[in-house]
Amino acid sequence: MQLEYRSASPLDAQECIRIRGLTRENAISAAHLASMGITVESWAEGIRARELPGFVCMAGNEMAGYCFGDASTGEVVVLALQPEYEDLGIGRELLARVVAHLHGLGHTRLFLGCSADPAVRSFGFYRHLGWQGTGTVDQHGDEVLELVPRSQRGGPDD
């Protein structure tokens, strides 16, 4: 399968919202996103204004997944994959691209909200990549994780 990674464009917003409702864990419907103020229009405008930088992975003509960050805060706001594209390294690559972009904007502290339940895949995924708990919880009840540089992790590099 040929995978292509590229910067997200405003035209991707509709498909991003559709995929967000299809994720295996933590799926959020378009209606629920709209109730939080996240619509195709607001997402597209965030991309257009460079407030919401992101990357998508295309598998042929189909979007396999995406990751977006917040240019003003350094938060990784969403990483989502269609279930059939899990376990192929796509999530890791998309996250790495957003992390590099946010670092390039000058952010030294990167953070995200993640389930505190070890049974949820994202719990182990982010921690394996060096994200560590801060002891705080965000407005959605998720644990806030920070990316700890390799030089400060204290363990072997992965």
Protein backbone atom coordinates (compact mmCIF):
# COMPACT_ATOMS: atom_id res chain seq x y z
CA MET A 1 0.00 0.00 0.00
CA GLN A 2 1.36 3.39 -1.06
CA LEU A 3 1.15 5.99 1.73
CA GLU A 4 1.59 9.71 1.15
CA TYR A 5 1.99 12.29 3.92
CA ARG A 6 1.23 15.93 3.26
CA SER A 7 0.26 19.13 5.02
CA ALA A 8 -3.46 19.42 5.65
CA SER A 9 -5.48 21.85 3.56
CA PRO A 10 -8.81 23.49 4.35
CA LEU A 11 -10.42 21.08 1.88
CA ASP A 12 -9.51 18.19 4.23
CA ALA A 13 -11.69 19.43 7.09
CA GLN A 14 -14.85 17.58 6.06
CA GLU A 15 -13.07 14.24 5.76
CA CYS A 16 -11.28 14.84 9.08
CA ILE A 17 -14.62 15.30 10.82
CA ARG A 18 -15.99 12.15 9.18
CA ILE A 19 -12.96 10.09 10.25
CA ARG A 20 -13.14 11.46 13.80
CA GLY A 21 -16.46 9.67 14.13
CA LEU A 22 -15.01 6.38 12.85
CA THR A 23 -12.04 5.92 15.18
CA ARG A 24 -12.04 2.69 17.15
CA GLU A 25 -11.57 4.37 20.52
CA ASN A 26 -12.79 7.82 21.49
CA ALA A 27 -14.90 8.36 18.36
CA ILE A 28 -16.67 11.72 18.34
CA SER A 29 -19.58 12.30 15.97
CA ALA A 30 -19.94 15.37 13.77
CA ALA A 31 -22.93 16.44 15.88
CA HIS A 32 -20.93 16.20 19.11
CA LEU A 33 -18.02 18.09 17.54
CA ALA A 34 -20.47 20.79 16.40
CA SER A 35 -21.78 21.09 19.96
CA MET A 36 -18.18 21.91 20.96
CA GLY A 37 -17.94 24.53 18.21
CA ILE A 38 -15.94 22.32 15.84
CA THR A 39 -17.48 22.34 12.38
CA VAL A 40 -16.16 21.82 8.86
CA GLU A 41 -16.08 25.60 8.52
CA SER A 42 -14.24 26.29 11.79
CA TRP A 43 -11.73 23.49 11.15
CA ALA A 44 -11.08 24.70 7.59
CA GLU A 45 -10.64 28.27 8.84
CA GLY A 46 -8.17 27.12 11.52
CA ILE A 47 -6.09 25.43 8.82
CA ARG A 48 -6.38 28.42 6.48
CA ALA A 49 -5.31 30.85 9.23
CA ARG A 50 -2.40 28.55 10.21
CA GLU A 51 -3.77 28.33 13.74
CA LEU A 52 -4.34 24.58 13.33
CA PRO A 53 -1.36 23.11 11.53
CA GLY A 54 -1.73 19.49 10.60
CA PHE A 55 -0.74 16.60 8.42
CA VAL A 56 -2.76 13.91 6.71
CA CYS A 57 -1.84 10.47 5.46
CA MET A 58 -3.35 9.38 2.19
CA ALA A 59 -3.61 5.72 1.19
CA GLY A 60 -4.32 6.12 -2.49
CA ASN A 61 -7.37 8.37 -2.73
CA GLU A 62 -8.49 7.67 0.85
CA MET A 63 -7.46 9.60 3.94
CA ALA A 64 -6.07 7.06 6.40
CA GLY A 65 -5.62 9.51 9.26
CA TYR A 66 -4.45 12.90 10.43
CA CYS A 67 -2.86 14.85 13.27
CA PHE A 68 -3.26 18.53 14.16
CA GLY A 69 -1.67 20.88 16.67
CA ASP A 70 -2.45 24.31 18.06
CA ALA A 71 0.06 26.86 16.73
CA SER A 72 -0.50 29.25 19.63
CA THR A 73 -0.17 26.83 22.56
CA GLY A 74 1.90 23.84 21.42
CA GLU A 75 -0.94 21.40 22.12
CA VAL A 76 -1.39 18.33 19.96
CA VAL A 77 -5.15 18.59 19.63
CA VAL A 78 -6.04 15.44 17.70
CA LEU A 79 -4.55 12.31 16.19
CA ALA A 80 -7.06 10.07 14.44
CA LEU A 81 -6.82 7.02 12.19
CA GLN A 82 -9.39 4.91 10.47
CA PRO A 83 -9.28 1.51 12.23
CA GLU A 84 -8.07 -0.39 9.17
CA TYR A 85 -4.92 1.76 9.11
CA GLU A 86 -3.85 1.14 12.72
CA ASP A 87 -0.57 -0.64 13.51
CA LEU A 88 1.18 0.53 10.34
CA GLY A 89 3.24 3.34 11.90
CA ILE A 90 0.97 6.03 10.46
CA GLY A 91 -0.01 7.53 13.82
CA ARG A 92 3.63 7.71 14.92
CA GLU A 93 4.64 9.43 11.66
CA LEU A 94 1.77 11.93 11.75
CA LEU A 95 2.51 12.77 15.38
CA ALA A 96 6.23 13.20 14.63
CA ARG A 97 5.40 15.65 11.85
CA VAL A 98 3.15 17.76 14.07
CA VAL A 99 5.70 17.68 16.91
CA ALA A 100 8.44 18.86 14.52
CA HIS A 101 6.17 21.60 13.18
CA LEU A 102 5.26 22.86 16.66
CA HIS A 103 8.92 22.81 17.69
CA GLY A 104 9.66 24.77 14.51
CA LEU A 105 7.19 27.41 15.67
CA GLY A 106 9.29 27.80 18.82
CA HIS A 107 7.31 25.73 21.29
CA THR A 108 9.49 24.01 23.87
CA ARG A 109 6.57 22.58 25.85
CA LEU A 110 4.28 20.31 23.87
CA PHE A 111 1.25 18.75 25.52
CA LEU A 112 -1.91 16.78 24.82
CA GLY A 113 -4.89 15.25 26.56
CA CYS A 114 -4.97 11.45 26.79
CA SER A 115 -7.10 8.86 28.53
CA ALA A 116 -5.76 7.89 31.94
CA ASP A 117 -7.10 4.35 31.41
CA PRO A 118 -4.24 1.90 30.69
CA ALA A 119 -6.70 -0.28 28.74
CA VAL A 120 -7.06 2.45 26.08
CA ARG A 121 -4.51 2.19 23.25
CA SER A 122 -3.51 5.85 23.35
CA PHE A 123 -2.37 5.47 26.97
CA GLY A 124 0.56 3.25 26.02
CA PHE A 125 1.12 4.79 22.58
CA TYR A 126 2.02 8.25 23.82
CA ARG A 127 4.00 7.06 26.84
CA HIS A 128 6.09 4.75 24.65
CA LEU A 129 7.00 7.80 22.56
CA GLY A 130 8.19 9.79 25.58
CA TRP A 131 5.06 11.65 26.66
CA GLN A 132 4.70 11.77 30.45
CA GLY A 133 1.85 12.61 32.79
CA THR A 134 1.76 16.04 34.41
CA GLY A 135 -0.61 15.12 37.22
CA THR A 136 -3.28 17.40 35.76
CA VAL A 137 -6.55 16.77 33.95
CA ASP A 138 -8.00 18.86 31.12
CA GLN A 139 -11.58 20.12 30.71
CA HIS A 140 -12.57 16.86 29.00
CA GLY A 141 -11.36 14.69 31.89
CA ASP A 142 -8.25 13.52 30.04
CA GLU A 143 -4.82 13.38 31.65
CA VAL A 144 -2.47 16.08 30.36
CA LEU A 145 0.78 14.64 29.02
CA GLU A 146 3.93 16.55 28.10
CA LEU A 147 6.57 15.47 25.63
CA VAL A 148 9.80 14.88 27.49
CA PRO A 149 12.93 15.22 25.33
CA ARG A 150 14.94 12.00 24.90
CA SER A 151 17.85 13.53 26.78
CA GLN A 152 15.66 13.91 29.89
CA ARG A 153 13.83 10.55 29.84
CA GLY A 154 16.37 8.55 31.80
CA GLY A 155 15.86 5.35 29.79
CA PRO A 156 17.15 3.92 26.55
CA ASP A 157 16.07 5.57 23.31
CA ASP A 158 13.44 3.69 21.35
